[in-house]
Amino acid sequence: MRDRVSVRITRDEAKAFFAHPSQLKASMLQSPDDLPEGVEYWADGPLCLMFHPAFWPGVWMVHHAAKPEGWGHLVDPAQRLLRAFWEDHQPERIIGWTDARNRAAIAFARRVGFREDGRMQLNGHEVLMTGWRL
């Protein structure tokens, strides 16, 4: 895979992006080997986005993972990836959920262009629900 090119990749190729323990912290995954089949993985440089259909027609949910060498430099690759996925699929909306206590992830989502749709109250914390459109 070339750097700075948004491309669809395989599940096996995506494992490298989820290798650092911090990239599994906010997910239900225990290791990169737990990455699901039947979803789409897209990568650009140090960033991988995992997309799956949400339970509403035309809505896709996105999750991200980055290699440590890319931390702090992910906005441009994220925007390229979101645009490439959008152009390929023409969805109604791309959504993401983030633990409201994860300030860094929320700041990143805002810089990329996600906007708050609402908040989901859970036991002892809340989840920020956001959405993105081209």
N, C-alpha and C. Protein backbone atom coordinates (compact mmCIF):
# COMPACT_ATOMS: atom_id res chain seq x y z
N MET A 1 0.85 -1.18 0.00
CA MET A 1 0.00 0.00 0.00
C MET A 1 0.89 1.23 0.00
N ARG A 2 0.57 2.20 -0.85
CA ARG A 2 1.35 3.44 -0.91
C ARG A 2 0.84 4.41 0.15
N ASP A 3 1.73 5.25 0.66
CA ASP A 3 1.33 6.29 1.60
C ASP A 3 0.50 7.35 0.88
N ARG A 4 -0.36 8.02 1.63
CA ARG A 4 -1.13 9.16 1.17
C ARG A 4 -2.09 8.83 0.02
N VAL A 5 -2.54 7.60 -0.02
CA VAL A 5 -3.53 7.18 -1.01
C VAL A 5 -4.60 6.42 -0.26
N SER A 6 -5.83 6.87 -0.38
CA SER A 6 -6.94 6.20 0.31
C SER A 6 -7.37 4.99 -0.50
N VAL A 7 -7.18 3.81 0.09
CA VAL A 7 -7.50 2.57 -0.61
C VAL A 7 -8.22 1.61 0.33
N ARG A 8 -9.01 0.75 -0.28
CA ARG A 8 -9.63 -0.33 0.48
C ARG A 8 -8.58 -1.41 0.70
N ILE A 9 -8.53 -1.94 1.92
CA ILE A 9 -7.55 -2.97 2.25
C ILE A 9 -8.26 -4.19 2.83
N THR A 10 -7.51 -5.26 3.00
CA THR A 10 -8.08 -6.49 3.55
C THR A 10 -8.07 -6.46 5.08
N ARG A 11 -8.81 -7.36 5.66
CA ARG A 11 -8.83 -7.51 7.12
C ARG A 11 -7.42 -7.79 7.64
N ASP A 12 -6.69 -8.66 6.97
CA ASP A 12 -5.33 -8.97 7.41
C ASP A 12 -4.42 -7.75 7.35
N GLU A 13 -4.55 -6.94 6.32
CA GLU A 13 -3.75 -5.71 6.23
C GLU A 13 -4.14 -4.72 7.34
N ALA A 14 -5.41 -4.72 7.72
CA ALA A 14 -5.89 -3.79 8.75
C ALA A 14 -5.34 -4.12 10.14
N LYS A 15 -4.97 -5.36 10.38
CA LYS A 15 -4.49 -5.75 11.70
C LYS A 15 -3.33 -4.90 12.19
N ALA A 16 -2.45 -4.47 11.30
CA ALA A 16 -1.29 -3.66 11.70
C ALA A 16 -1.71 -2.34 12.34
N PHE A 17 -2.85 -1.80 11.95
CA PHE A 17 -3.32 -0.52 12.49
C PHE A 17 -3.91 -0.68 13.89
N PHE A 18 -4.34 -1.88 14.22
CA PHE A 18 -4.95 -2.17 15.51
C PHE A 18 -3.97 -2.83 16.47
N ALA A 19 -2.68 -2.90 16.09
CA ALA A 19 -1.69 -3.63 16.88
C ALA A 19 -1.36 -2.97 18.22
N HIS A 20 -1.35 -1.65 18.26
CA HIS A 20 -1.02 -0.96 19.52
C HIS A 20 -2.21 -1.12 20.49
N PRO A 21 -1.96 -1.47 21.76
CA PRO A 21 -3.06 -1.69 22.71
C PRO A 21 -4.03 -0.52 22.84
N SER A 22 -3.56 0.69 22.65
CA SER A 22 -4.44 1.86 22.76
C SER A 22 -5.52 1.87 21.68
N GLN A 23 -5.28 1.19 20.57
CA GLN A 23 -6.24 1.20 19.48
C GLN A 23 -7.38 0.21 19.69
N LEU A 24 -7.30 -0.59 20.73
CA LEU A 24 -8.35 -1.54 21.06
C LEU A 24 -9.15 -1.10 22.28
N LYS A 25 -8.66 -0.08 22.97
CA LYS A 25 -9.22 0.33 24.26
C LYS A 25 -10.71 0.65 24.21
N ALA A 26 -11.15 1.36 23.19
CA ALA A 26 -12.54 1.79 23.12
C ALA A 26 -13.39 0.86 22.26
N SER A 27 -12.95 -0.35 22.10
CA SER A 27 -13.71 -1.28 21.26
C SER A 27 -14.01 -2.56 22.02
N MET A 28 -14.72 -3.44 21.37
CA MET A 28 -15.03 -4.73 21.96
C MET A 28 -13.97 -5.76 21.59
N LEU A 29 -12.92 -5.33 20.91
CA LEU A 29 -11.87 -6.22 20.45
C LEU A 29 -10.83 -6.44 21.54
N GLN A 30 -10.33 -7.65 21.61
CA GLN A 30 -9.26 -7.98 22.54
C GLN A 30 -7.91 -7.97 21.85
N SER A 31 -7.90 -8.23 20.54
CA SER A 31 -6.66 -8.24 19.77
C SER A 31 -7.00 -7.96 18.31
N PRO A 32 -5.99 -7.62 17.51
CA PRO A 32 -6.25 -7.41 16.08
C PRO A 32 -6.84 -8.64 15.39
N ASP A 33 -6.58 -9.82 15.95
CA ASP A 33 -7.16 -11.04 15.36
C ASP A 33 -8.68 -11.08 15.48
N ASP A 34 -9.25 -10.23 16.35
CA ASP A 34 -10.69 -10.18 16.54
C ASP A 34 -11.40 -9.28 15.53
N LEU A 35 -10.65 -8.65 14.63
CA LEU A 35 -11.29 -7.77 13.65
C LEU A 35 -12.35 -8.57 12.88
N PRO A 36 -13.52 -7.97 12.70
CA PRO A 36 -14.60 -8.72 12.06
C PRO A 36 -14.43 -8.87 10.54
N GLU A 37 -15.02 -9.91 10.03
CA GLU A 37 -15.15 -10.11 8.59
C GLU A 37 -16.42 -9.37 8.16
N GLY A 38 -16.57 -9.15 6.89
CA GLY A 38 -17.81 -8.59 6.38
C GLY A 38 -17.96 -7.09 6.60
N VAL A 39 -16.89 -6.40 6.93
CA VAL A 39 -16.91 -4.95 7.02
C VAL A 39 -15.87 -4.43 6.03
N GLU A 40 -15.81 -3.13 5.84
CA GLU A 40 -14.84 -2.57 4.91
C GLU A 40 -13.74 -1.86 5.68
N TYR A 41 -12.51 -2.13 5.29
CA TYR A 41 -11.34 -1.48 5.85
C TYR A 41 -10.72 -0.60 4.76
N TRP A 42 -10.46 0.65 5.12
CA TRP A 42 -9.83 1.60 4.20
C TRP A 42 -8.63 2.20 4.92
N ALA A 43 -7.54 2.42 4.19
CA ALA A 43 -6.33 2.97 4.82
C ALA A 43 -5.73 4.07 3.97
N ASP A 44 -5.05 4.96 4.67
CA ASP A 44 -4.31 6.06 4.05
C ASP A 44 -3.15 6.36 4.99
N GLY A 45 -1.93 6.07 4.55
CA GLY A 45 -0.77 6.30 5.41
C GLY A 45 -0.91 5.54 6.72
N PRO A 46 -0.84 6.24 7.87
CA PRO A 46 -0.87 5.57 9.17
C PRO A 46 -2.27 5.31 9.73
N LEU A 47 -3.31 5.62 8.96
CA LEU A 47 -4.69 5.55 9.47
C LEU A 47 -5.52 4.51 8.73
N CYS A 48 -6.30 3.77 9.51
CA CYS A 48 -7.26 2.81 8.96
C CYS A 48 -8.65 3.17 9.49
N LEU A 49 -9.62 3.19 8.59
CA LEU A 49 -11.01 3.36 8.99
C LEU A 49 -11.75 2.07 8.67
N MET A 50 -12.55 1.62 9.63
CA MET A 50 -13.35 0.41 9.46
C MET A 50 -14.81 0.87 9.37
N PHE A 51 -15.48 0.52 8.29
CA PHE A 51 -16.86 0.92 8.05
C PHE A 51 -17.78 -0.31 8.07
N HIS A 52 -18.95 -0.12 8.65
CA HIS A 52 -19.99 -1.15 8.56
C HIS A 52 -21.35 -0.48 8.49
N PRO A 53 -22.31 -1.12 7.82
CA PRO A 53 -23.64 -0.51 7.74
C PRO A 53 -24.26 -0.40 9.13
N ALA A 54 -24.91 0.73 9.38
CA ALA A 54 -25.68 0.90 10.61
C ALA A 54 -27.08 0.35 10.34
N PHE A 55 -27.91 0.34 11.36
CA PHE A 55 -29.25 -0.21 11.19
C PHE A 55 -30.24 0.83 10.70
N TRP A 56 -29.83 1.57 9.67
CA TRP A 56 -30.71 2.50 8.97
C TRP A 56 -30.19 2.56 7.54
N PRO A 57 -31.07 2.47 6.56
CA PRO A 57 -30.60 2.47 5.17
C PRO A 57 -29.74 3.70 4.85
N GLY A 58 -28.61 3.46 4.20
CA GLY A 58 -27.75 4.55 3.77
C GLY A 58 -26.85 5.13 4.84
N VAL A 59 -26.88 4.58 6.05
CA VAL A 59 -26.05 5.08 7.14
C VAL A 59 -24.98 4.04 7.45
N TRP A 60 -23.75 4.51 7.54
CA TRP A 60 -22.60 3.66 7.85
C TRP A 60 -21.94 4.16 9.11
N MET A 61 -21.48 3.26 9.95
CA MET A 61 -20.71 3.61 11.14
C MET A 61 -19.24 3.42 10.84
N VAL A 62 -18.42 4.30 11.41
CA VAL A 62 -16.98 4.23 11.19
C VAL A 62 -16.25 4.11 12.52
N HIS A 63 -15.16 3.37 12.49
CA HIS A 63 -14.24 3.23 13.63
C HIS A 63 -12.85 3.48 13.07
N HIS A 64 -11.97 4.02 13.87
CA HIS A 64 -10.63 4.29 13.35
C HIS A 64 -9.55 3.68 14.23
N ALA A 65 -8.42 3.42 13.59
CA ALA A 65 -7.23 2.95 14.29
C ALA A 65 -6.02 3.52 13.57
N ALA A 66 -5.01 3.90 14.34
CA ALA A 66 -3.83 4.52 13.74
C ALA A 66 -2.56 3.92 14.30
N LYS A 67 -1.58 3.87 13.44
CA LYS A 67 -0.25 3.46 13.88
C LYS A 67 0.35 4.61 14.69
N PRO A 68 1.09 4.31 15.74
CA PRO A 68 1.64 5.37 16.60
C PRO A 68 2.43 6.44 15.85
N GLU A 69 3.13 6.08 14.78
CA GLU A 69 3.91 7.09 14.07
C GLU A 69 3.04 8.17 13.41
N GLY A 70 1.75 7.91 13.29
CA GLY A 70 0.86 8.89 12.70
C GLY A 70 0.12 9.77 13.70
N TRP A 71 0.20 9.43 14.97
CA TRP A 71 -0.55 10.18 15.97
C TRP A 71 -0.20 11.66 15.89
N GLY A 72 -1.22 12.48 15.93
CA GLY A 72 -1.03 13.92 15.83
C GLY A 72 -1.03 14.43 14.39
N HIS A 73 -1.10 13.53 13.42
CA HIS A 73 -1.05 13.91 12.01
C HIS A 73 -2.09 13.12 11.21
N LEU A 74 -3.29 13.02 11.75
CA LEU A 74 -4.28 12.13 11.14
C LEU A 74 -5.46 12.83 10.48
N VAL A 75 -5.57 14.14 10.64
CA VAL A 75 -6.74 14.84 10.10
C VAL A 75 -6.80 14.72 8.57
N ASP A 76 -5.71 15.02 7.89
CA ASP A 76 -5.72 14.94 6.42
C ASP A 76 -6.02 13.53 5.92
N PRO A 77 -5.34 12.49 6.46
CA PRO A 77 -5.69 11.14 5.99
C PRO A 77 -7.16 10.78 6.29
N ALA A 78 -7.66 11.20 7.44
CA ALA A 78 -9.05 10.89 7.78
C ALA A 78 -10.01 11.56 6.81
N GLN A 79 -9.76 12.80 6.48
CA GLN A 79 -10.63 13.49 5.53
C GLN A 79 -10.57 12.85 4.15
N ARG A 80 -9.38 12.46 3.72
CA ARG A 80 -9.27 11.77 2.42
C ARG A 80 -10.02 10.45 2.42
N LEU A 81 -9.88 9.70 3.52
CA LEU A 81 -10.56 8.41 3.61
C LEU A 81 -12.07 8.56 3.61
N LEU A 82 -12.58 9.50 4.38
CA LEU A 82 -14.02 9.72 4.42
C LEU A 82 -14.55 10.12 3.05
N ARG A 83 -13.83 10.99 2.37
CA ARG A 83 -14.25 11.40 1.02
C ARG A 83 -14.21 10.22 0.04
N ALA A 84 -13.15 9.42 0.11
CA ALA A 84 -13.04 8.28 -0.80
C ALA A 84 -14.17 7.29 -0.56
N PHE A 85 -14.45 6.99 0.71
CA PHE A 85 -15.54 6.07 1.03
C PHE A 85 -16.87 6.66 0.56
N TRP A 86 -17.08 7.96 0.81
CA TRP A 86 -18.32 8.62 0.41
C TRP A 86 -18.51 8.54 -1.11
N GLU A 87 -17.47 8.83 -1.85
CA GLU A 87 -17.57 8.79 -3.31
C GLU A 87 -17.84 7.38 -3.81
N ASP A 88 -17.30 6.38 -3.12
CA ASP A 88 -17.51 5.00 -3.52
C ASP A 88 -18.91 4.50 -3.20
N HIS A 89 -19.47 4.93 -2.07
CA HIS A 89 -20.74 4.37 -1.59
C HIS A 89 -21.94 5.33 -1.65
N GLN A 90 -21.70 6.62 -1.68
CA GLN A 90 -22.78 7.62 -1.67
C GLN A 90 -23.77 7.38 -0.53
N PRO A 91 -23.29 7.29 0.73
CA PRO A 91 -24.21 7.07 1.85
C PRO A 91 -25.02 8.32 2.18
N GLU A 92 -26.00 8.17 3.01
CA GLU A 92 -26.75 9.31 3.54
C GLU A 92 -25.95 10.02 4.63
N ARG A 93 -25.25 9.24 5.43
CA ARG A 93 -24.50 9.79 6.56
C ARG A 93 -23.51 8.74 7.06
N ILE A 94 -22.39 9.22 7.59
CA ILE A 94 -21.42 8.37 8.28
C ILE A 94 -21.47 8.78 9.74
N ILE A 95 -21.62 7.79 10.62
CA ILE A 95 -21.75 8.11 12.04
C ILE A 95 -20.61 7.50 12.85
N GLY A 96 -20.40 8.08 14.01
CA GLY A 96 -19.41 7.56 14.94
C GLY A 96 -19.86 7.79 16.37
N TRP A 97 -19.51 6.91 17.25
CA TRP A 97 -19.82 7.04 18.67
C TRP A 97 -18.51 7.09 19.44
N THR A 98 -18.42 8.02 20.39
CA THR A 98 -17.19 8.20 21.16
C THR A 98 -17.54 8.41 22.62
N ASP A 99 -16.83 7.74 23.49
CA ASP A 99 -16.99 7.95 24.93
C ASP A 99 -16.74 9.43 25.20
N ALA A 100 -17.68 10.09 25.84
CA ALA A 100 -17.59 11.53 26.08
C ALA A 100 -16.39 11.90 26.95
N ARG A 101 -15.82 10.94 27.64
CA ARG A 101 -14.63 11.21 28.46
C ARG A 101 -13.35 11.23 27.64
N ASN A 102 -13.41 10.77 26.41
CA ASN A 102 -12.22 10.69 25.55
C ASN A 102 -12.07 12.00 24.77
N ARG A 103 -11.53 12.99 25.44
CA ARG A 103 -11.43 14.34 24.85
C ARG A 103 -10.60 14.36 23.57
N ALA A 104 -9.53 13.60 23.54
CA ALA A 104 -8.68 13.60 22.35
C ALA A 104 -9.43 13.07 21.13
N ALA A 105 -10.17 11.99 21.31
CA ALA A 105 -10.92 11.41 20.19
C ALA A 105 -12.03 12.34 19.74
N ILE A 106 -12.68 13.01 20.68
CA ILE A 106 -13.74 13.96 20.32
C ILE A 106 -13.16 15.15 19.57
N ALA A 107 -12.03 15.67 20.03
CA ALA A 107 -11.39 16.79 19.33
C ALA A 107 -10.99 16.38 17.92
N PHE A 108 -10.46 15.17 17.77
CA PHE A 108 -10.08 14.67 16.45
C PHE A 108 -11.31 14.59 15.54
N ALA A 109 -12.39 14.01 16.03
CA ALA A 109 -13.61 13.88 15.22
C ALA A 109 -14.11 15.25 14.77
N ARG A 110 -14.07 16.22 15.64
CA ARG A 110 -14.51 17.57 15.27
C ARG A 110 -13.60 18.18 14.20
N ARG A 111 -12.29 17.99 14.35
CA ARG A 111 -11.35 18.54 13.35
C ARG A 111 -11.56 17.90 11.98
N VAL A 112 -11.96 16.64 11.99
CA VAL A 112 -12.20 15.93 10.73
C VAL A 112 -13.51 16.38 10.09
N GLY A 113 -14.45 16.89 10.89
CA GLY A 113 -15.71 17.37 10.34
C GLY A 113 -16.95 16.71 10.89
N PHE A 114 -16.81 15.83 11.88
CA PHE A 114 -17.99 15.23 12.51
C PHE A 114 -18.70 16.27 13.37
N ARG A 115 -20.02 16.22 13.36
CA ARG A 115 -20.84 17.13 14.16
C ARG A 115 -21.72 16.33 15.12
N GLU A 116 -21.94 16.88 16.29
CA GLU A 116 -22.71 16.17 17.32
C GLU A 116 -24.17 16.01 16.89
N ASP A 117 -24.65 14.77 17.00
CA ASP A 117 -26.06 14.45 16.74
C ASP A 117 -26.83 14.30 18.05
N GLY A 118 -26.13 13.90 19.10
CA GLY A 118 -26.79 13.68 20.40
C GLY A 118 -25.85 12.96 21.35
N ARG A 119 -26.42 12.63 22.51
CA ARG A 119 -25.65 11.92 23.53
C ARG A 119 -26.49 10.76 24.05
N MET A 120 -25.82 9.64 24.24
CA MET A 120 -26.47 8.44 24.76
C MET A 120 -25.99 8.25 26.21
N GLN A 121 -26.94 8.23 27.14
CA GLN A 121 -26.62 8.05 28.55
C GLN A 121 -26.50 6.57 28.87
N LEU A 122 -25.38 6.21 29.47
CA LEU A 122 -25.16 4.84 29.89
C LEU A 122 -24.87 4.83 31.38
N ASN A 123 -24.65 3.67 31.95
CA ASN A 123 -24.37 3.57 33.38
C ASN A 123 -23.06 4.29 33.72
N GLY A 124 -23.15 5.46 34.29
CA GLY A 124 -21.98 6.17 34.77
C GLY A 124 -21.23 6.99 33.74
N HIS A 125 -21.63 6.98 32.49
CA HIS A 125 -20.98 7.82 31.48
C HIS A 125 -21.91 8.02 30.30
N GLU A 126 -21.46 8.84 29.36
CA GLU A 126 -22.26 9.07 28.17
C GLU A 126 -21.41 8.91 26.92
N VAL A 127 -22.10 8.65 25.82
CA VAL A 127 -21.45 8.46 24.53
C VAL A 127 -21.90 9.60 23.63
N LEU A 128 -20.93 10.26 23.02
CA LEU A 128 -21.22 11.31 22.06
C LEU A 128 -21.49 10.67 20.72
N MET A 129 -22.65 10.96 20.15
CA MET A 129 -23.01 10.42 18.84
C MET A 129 -22.82 11.53 17.81
N THR A 130 -22.01 11.26 16.80
CA THR A 130 -21.69 12.28 15.80
C THR A 130 -21.96 11.77 14.41
N GLY A 131 -22.01 12.70 13.45
CA GLY A 131 -22.24 12.34 12.07
C GLY A 131 -21.42 13.20 11.13
N TRP A 132 -21.18 12.66 9.93
CA TRP A 132 -20.37 13.33 8.91
C TRP A 132 -21.05 13.17 7.56
N ARG A 133 -20.98 14.23 6.77
CA ARG A 133 -21.49 14.22 5.40
C ARG A 133 -20.52 14.98 4.51
N LEU A 134 -20.42 14.55 3.27
CA LEU A 134 -19.60 15.28 2.30
C LEU A 134 -20.34 16.52 1.87
